[in-house]
Amino acid sequence: MYRVNILTNTSTETWQDLKDTCKASGGYLMCITTSDELQFVLDRLRMSCSGNKRFGIGLSRQSGLEINVDANWKCEGDRTTLDTQMTPWANDNPSVSDDDDAGTRIMSDSASLKDLNALKPFVKWNDGYICEYDTVLFQTVSLPGGVNDWKMSPIRCAQQCRRRYDCQGFHVDAAGCQLRYKPNSDETNHYKKIIYHL
């Protein structure tokens, strides 16, 4: 699932800020891994706005790594490396110095990539950004009995866990919703988080 976010002309966020915003909402900056995914996202961008717009995505390079080595550019979600056959660089890119962390943006008309310094505000450098969300399901080992209070509802607890990247599952008991951040050996009333990468 994807969410296209449009920035205002006065936005001063950095690429890192956008990455943190997506993570805080339970996702990550989008990473293109297949040509079908690329086409789907480009079609959606073209329906959302006209002209060749720039959208921040999750491909990045750490400082100290060479800019012209494709393997140094990694996706935020699954750490897949850059495929320039599918998404080529725009003219004169990549251009951010080896000494700086770099993020990327995709051009909506050409599907080409442009890099930018990940830590500098990019007023007028981007028109928006795309967050990607994995499909998240919860599998119960033992159904909780007698939970009637909305504050202790498994549905509400699942929503809280889904928003937290590091949540592994949750447990519902008389004390309410207990989020788990590591695998739980006590499977009574426990829901395990299962993430499907699309």
Protein backbone atom coordinates (compact mmCIF):
# COMPACT_ATOMS: atom_id res chain seq x y z
CA MET A 1 0.00 0.00 0.00
CA TYR A 2 1.26 3.47 -0.85
CA ARG A 3 0.46 6.99 0.27
CA VAL A 4 1.45 9.92 -1.94
CA ASN A 5 2.12 13.05 0.11
CA ILE A 6 2.24 16.49 -1.54
CA LEU A 7 4.50 19.16 -0.04
CA THR A 8 3.77 22.87 0.01
CA ASN A 9 6.01 25.39 -1.73
CA THR A 10 7.31 26.51 1.67
CA SER A 11 8.15 23.04 3.05
CA THR A 12 11.62 22.85 4.55
CA GLU A 13 11.81 19.13 5.34
CA THR A 14 14.93 17.15 4.57
CA TRP A 15 14.92 13.73 2.95
CA GLN A 16 15.74 12.33 6.41
CA ASP A 17 12.65 14.11 7.83
CA LEU A 18 10.47 12.43 5.20
CA LYS A 19 11.99 9.06 6.04
CA ASP A 20 11.22 9.65 9.73
CA THR A 21 7.65 10.75 8.92
CA CYS A 22 6.96 7.54 7.00
CA LYS A 23 8.50 5.44 9.77
CA ALA A 24 6.41 7.18 12.45
CA SER A 25 3.26 6.21 10.53
CA GLY A 26 4.28 2.53 10.35
CA GLY A 27 5.84 2.57 6.89
CA TYR A 28 8.97 3.61 5.06
CA LEU A 29 9.89 5.74 2.08
CA MET A 30 8.85 3.74 -0.97
CA CYS A 31 11.33 1.53 -2.73
CA ILE A 32 10.76 0.33 -6.28
CA THR A 33 11.61 -3.36 -6.62
CA THR A 34 9.74 -4.47 -9.78
CA SER A 35 8.74 -2.94 -13.09
CA ASP A 36 5.05 -3.62 -12.25
CA GLU A 37 5.42 -1.67 -9.00
CA LEU A 38 7.16 1.17 -10.87
CA GLN A 39 4.33 1.38 -13.43
CA PHE A 40 1.64 1.27 -10.73
CA VAL A 41 3.24 4.11 -8.78
CA LEU A 42 3.93 6.25 -11.86
CA ASP A 43 0.30 5.86 -12.99
CA ARG A 44 -0.85 6.97 -9.54
CA LEU A 45 1.53 9.97 -9.52
CA ARG A 46 0.40 11.05 -12.98
CA MET A 47 -3.24 10.91 -11.88
CA SER A 48 -2.42 12.96 -8.76
CA CYS A 49 -0.58 15.82 -10.44
CA SER A 50 0.34 17.14 -13.86
CA GLY A 51 3.81 17.83 -15.20
CA ASN A 52 7.11 16.23 -14.32
CA LYS A 53 7.03 16.25 -10.50
CA ARG A 54 9.71 15.06 -8.08
CA PHE A 55 8.82 12.66 -5.27
CA GLY A 56 11.14 11.52 -2.50
CA ILE A 57 11.62 7.73 -2.35
CA GLY A 58 13.59 5.42 -0.09
CA LEU A 59 16.74 4.86 -2.10
CA SER A 60 19.77 6.24 -0.27
CA ARG A 61 23.57 6.18 -0.02
CA GLN A 62 25.62 6.64 3.14
CA SER A 63 28.42 9.17 3.26
CA GLY A 64 31.83 7.78 2.47
CA LEU A 65 30.56 5.47 -0.30
CA GLU A 66 31.23 6.18 -3.97
CA ILE A 67 28.31 7.80 -5.77
CA ASN A 68 28.71 5.96 -9.09
CA VAL A 69 28.54 2.42 -7.69
CA ASP A 70 24.96 1.12 -7.97
CA ALA A 71 25.45 -1.34 -5.08
CA ASN A 72 26.08 1.60 -2.72
CA TRP A 73 22.48 2.81 -3.22
CA LYS A 74 20.08 0.85 -0.98
CA CYS A 75 16.33 0.81 -0.42
CA GLU A 76 15.02 1.73 3.01
CA GLY A 77 12.39 -1.00 3.28
CA ASP A 78 14.23 -4.15 2.27
CA ARG A 79 17.77 -2.96 1.50
CA THR A 80 17.45 -3.91 -2.20
CA THR A 81 20.11 -2.21 -4.30
CA LEU A 82 19.57 0.17 -7.22
CA ASP A 83 18.56 -1.24 -10.62
CA THR A 84 19.48 1.43 -13.20
CA GLN A 85 17.95 -0.65 -16.00
CA MET A 86 14.52 -0.09 -14.41
CA THR A 87 15.03 3.38 -12.93
CA PRO A 88 17.94 5.19 -14.61
CA TRP A 89 19.62 8.29 -13.27
CA ALA A 90 18.62 11.65 -14.76
CA ASN A 91 21.32 13.65 -16.60
CA ASP A 92 24.18 14.81 -14.35
CA ASN A 93 23.09 12.47 -11.53
CA PRO A 94 24.07 11.18 -9.09
CA SER A 95 25.80 14.36 -8.04
CA VAL A 96 25.85 14.55 -4.21
CA SER A 97 29.40 14.38 -2.86
CA ASP A 98 30.76 11.09 -1.51
CA ASP A 99 31.17 12.95 1.81
CA ASP A 100 27.40 13.46 2.28
CA ASP A 101 24.47 11.15 2.98
CA ALA A 102 22.23 11.15 -0.08
CA GLY A 103 18.56 10.41 -0.69
CA THR A 104 16.71 10.17 -3.99
CA ARG A 105 13.59 11.36 -5.71
CA ILE A 106 11.86 9.96 -8.77
CA MET A 107 10.59 12.06 -11.65
CA SER A 108 6.92 11.29 -12.37
CA ASP A 109 7.10 11.66 -16.17
CA SER A 110 10.47 10.10 -16.98
CA ALA A 111 10.84 7.62 -14.07
CA SER A 112 14.44 8.80 -13.77
CA LEU A 113 16.18 9.36 -10.46
CA LYS A 114 17.79 12.48 -9.00
CA ASP A 115 19.80 12.50 -5.80
CA LEU A 116 19.83 15.14 -3.07
CA ASN A 117 21.65 15.75 0.18
CA ALA A 118 19.65 13.77 2.78
CA LEU A 119 20.24 16.28 5.57
CA LYS A 120 19.62 19.62 3.84
CA PRO A 121 16.13 21.14 3.47
CA PHE A 122 14.97 20.90 -0.11
CA VAL A 123 12.65 23.82 -0.72
CA LYS A 124 11.50 23.51 -4.34
CA TRP A 125 13.62 20.36 -4.81
CA ASN A 126 10.68 18.01 -4.21
CA ASP A 127 6.98 18.15 -4.87
CA GLY A 128 6.15 15.32 -2.48
CA TYR A 129 7.14 11.92 -1.19
CA ILE A 130 5.73 8.40 -1.16
CA CYS A 131 5.34 6.23 1.94
CA GLU A 132 5.01 2.47 1.49
CA TYR A 133 3.26 0.16 3.93
CA ASP A 134 3.51 -3.59 4.10
CA THR A 135 0.36 -5.60 4.58
CA VAL A 136 0.21 -6.46 8.27
CA LEU A 137 -1.87 -9.28 9.68
CA PHE A 138 -2.12 -10.62 13.20
CA GLN A 139 -2.35 -14.31 13.99
CA THR A 140 -3.70 -15.37 17.35
CA VAL A 141 -2.55 -18.47 19.16
CA SER A 142 -5.26 -18.31 21.81
CA LEU A 143 -8.31 -16.04 21.61
CA PRO A 144 -8.78 -13.76 24.59
CA GLY A 145 -12.06 -14.47 26.35
CA GLY A 146 -14.39 -11.91 27.85
CA VAL A 147 -12.68 -8.81 26.48
CA ASN A 148 -15.49 -6.28 26.18
CA ASP A 149 -13.80 -2.99 27.09
CA TRP A 150 -12.84 -0.98 23.97
CA LYS A 151 -9.54 0.02 25.64
CA MET A 152 -8.65 -3.68 25.83
CA SER A 153 -9.96 -4.53 22.35
CA PRO A 154 -7.65 -6.67 20.21
CA ILE A 155 -8.55 -4.47 17.22
CA ARG A 156 -7.42 -1.29 18.95
CA CYS A 157 -4.27 -3.01 20.18
CA ALA A 158 -3.53 -4.30 16.65
CA GLN A 159 -3.79 -0.74 15.33
CA GLN A 160 -1.26 0.45 17.92
CA CYS A 161 1.15 -2.37 17.06
CA ARG A 162 0.80 -1.80 13.30
CA ARG A 163 1.91 1.83 13.69
CA ARG A 164 5.09 0.82 15.52
CA TYR A 165 7.79 -0.59 13.26
CA ASP A 166 9.51 -2.50 16.09
CA CYS A 167 6.33 -4.07 17.54
CA GLN A 168 6.40 -7.88 17.19
CA GLY A 169 2.90 -8.52 18.50
CA PHE A 170 0.68 -7.85 21.48
CA HIS A 171 -0.98 -9.44 24.46
CA VAL A 172 -4.41 -8.54 25.83
CA ASP A 173 -5.13 -9.19 29.50
CA ALA A 174 -6.92 -7.58 32.44
CA ALA A 175 -4.35 -4.74 32.38
CA GLY A 176 -5.25 -3.96 28.75
CA CYS A 177 -3.08 -3.91 25.64
CA GLN A 178 0.55 -4.94 26.13
CA LEU A 179 2.73 -4.37 23.06
CA ARG A 180 5.62 -6.83 22.60
CA TYR A 181 8.92 -5.79 21.07
CA LYS A 182 10.52 -9.24 21.03
CA PRO A 183 9.13 -12.73 20.38
CA ASN A 184 6.86 -13.91 23.18
CA SER A 185 7.10 -17.48 24.52
CA ASP A 186 3.80 -17.11 26.44
CA GLU A 187 1.22 -17.63 23.69
CA THR A 188 -1.87 -17.18 25.88
CA ASN A 189 -3.93 -14.29 24.51
CA HIS A 190 -0.99 -13.31 22.32
CA TYR A 191 -1.21 -11.97 18.78
CA LYS A 192 1.84 -12.25 16.55
CA LYS A 193 2.60 -9.64 13.88
CA ILE A 194 3.06 -11.07 10.37
CA ILE A 195 4.30 -8.74 7.64
CA TYR A 196 3.78 -9.51 3.99
CA HIS A 197 6.04 -7.60 1.61
CA LEU A 198 4.13 -6.86 -1.59
